[in-house]
Amino acid sequence: MNLTMLIRRDIMMTKTVLHVEGMSCKSCAAKIELACKALGAKKVQVDLVQKQVEIEHDTNCLEAILLQEHVEKLGYKVVEDSEGN
């Protein structure tokens, strides 16, 4: 007899917005998008004009601070916006 066990885990999707300095071209955007998705982000949108990155991710698997640290390791600077976020 073959028993299969299913494990259910609640998914806690959230959107993190990072304000990033140093992004200037499509290559920068692609680099950040690929890096965030490699960490487990579900959706990444880079806005070069607004200098921000919107990332949808499961907080059970990927915390915002890890995304920020990873973007900074790529050579970009993550800054707080004028509202302190």
Protein backbone atom coordinates (compact mmCIF):
# COMPACT_ATOMS: atom_id res chain seq x y z
CA MET A 1 0.00 0.00 0.00
CA ASN A 2 1.31 3.43 -0.98
CA LEU A 3 0.40 6.29 1.35
CA THR A 4 0.87 9.86 0.22
CA MET A 5 0.96 12.57 2.81
CA LEU A 6 -0.11 16.06 1.82
CA ILE A 7 1.22 18.95 3.85
CA ARG A 8 -0.81 22.14 3.71
CA ARG A 9 0.82 25.39 4.63
CA ASP A 10 -0.92 28.75 4.68
CA ILE A 11 0.41 31.11 2.07
CA MET A 12 0.99 34.65 3.29
CA MET A 13 1.40 36.69 0.13
CA THR A 14 2.49 40.28 0.51
CA LYS A 15 3.84 43.07 -1.65
CA THR A 16 7.13 44.73 -0.72
CA VAL A 17 8.15 47.99 -2.37
CA LEU A 18 11.85 48.83 -2.40
CA HIS A 19 13.09 52.28 -3.39
CA VAL A 20 16.33 51.63 -5.23
CA GLU A 21 19.05 54.02 -6.36
CA GLY A 22 21.44 53.13 -9.16
CA MET A 23 19.02 51.47 -11.59
CA SER A 24 19.39 53.09 -14.99
CA CYS A 25 18.52 50.65 -17.76
CA LYS A 26 16.63 47.53 -18.79
CA SER A 27 19.66 45.45 -17.92
CA CYS A 28 19.50 46.70 -14.32
CA ALA A 29 15.80 45.87 -14.18
CA ALA A 30 16.35 42.36 -15.55
CA LYS A 31 19.20 41.72 -13.13
CA ILE A 32 17.07 42.68 -10.12
CA GLU A 33 14.02 40.79 -11.38
CA LEU A 34 15.96 37.56 -11.95
CA ALA A 35 17.70 37.82 -8.58
CA CYS A 36 14.44 38.32 -6.67
CA LYS A 37 12.71 35.48 -8.51
CA ALA A 38 15.68 33.22 -7.78
CA LEU A 39 15.04 33.85 -4.07
CA GLY A 40 11.41 32.79 -4.48
CA ALA A 41 9.51 35.99 -5.34
CA LYS A 42 6.33 35.27 -7.29
CA LYS A 43 6.15 38.57 -9.20
CA VAL A 44 8.64 41.41 -9.64
CA GLN A 45 7.98 44.76 -11.32
CA VAL A 46 10.81 47.25 -11.74
CA ASP A 47 9.96 50.90 -12.42
CA LEU A 48 13.08 52.74 -13.58
CA VAL A 49 11.38 56.16 -13.62
CA GLN A 50 10.07 55.89 -10.06
CA LYS A 51 13.23 54.04 -8.96
CA GLN A 52 11.26 51.35 -7.22
CA VAL A 53 10.83 47.60 -7.25
CA GLU A 54 7.50 45.96 -6.32
CA ILE A 55 7.88 42.36 -5.22
CA GLU A 56 5.10 39.89 -4.44
CA HIS A 57 6.27 37.08 -2.19
CA ASP A 58 5.18 34.55 0.43
CA THR A 59 6.34 35.87 3.81
CA ASN A 60 6.53 32.30 5.13
CA CYS A 61 9.31 31.60 2.65
CA LEU A 62 10.91 34.96 1.94
CA GLU A 63 11.22 38.00 4.19
CA ALA A 64 11.47 41.57 2.90
CA ILE A 65 14.85 42.13 4.57
CA LEU A 66 16.33 39.26 2.53
CA LEU A 67 15.09 40.88 -0.68
CA GLN A 68 16.61 44.20 0.35
CA GLU A 69 19.95 42.62 1.24
CA HIS A 70 20.03 40.72 -2.05
CA VAL A 71 19.36 43.85 -4.12
CA GLU A 72 22.13 45.65 -2.22
CA LYS A 73 24.53 42.76 -2.90
CA LEU A 74 23.91 43.38 -6.61
CA GLY A 75 25.41 46.85 -6.14
CA TYR A 76 22.27 48.97 -5.76
CA LYS A 77 21.29 51.14 -2.81
CA VAL A 78 17.92 50.58 -1.14
CA VAL A 79 16.72 53.81 0.50
CA GLU A 80 13.76 54.86 2.62
CA ASP A 81 11.16 56.95 0.88
CA SER A 82 9.96 60.31 2.19
CA GLU A 83 7.26 58.54 4.23
CA GLY A 84 9.84 56.46 6.10
CA ASN A 85 9.15 53.16 4.31
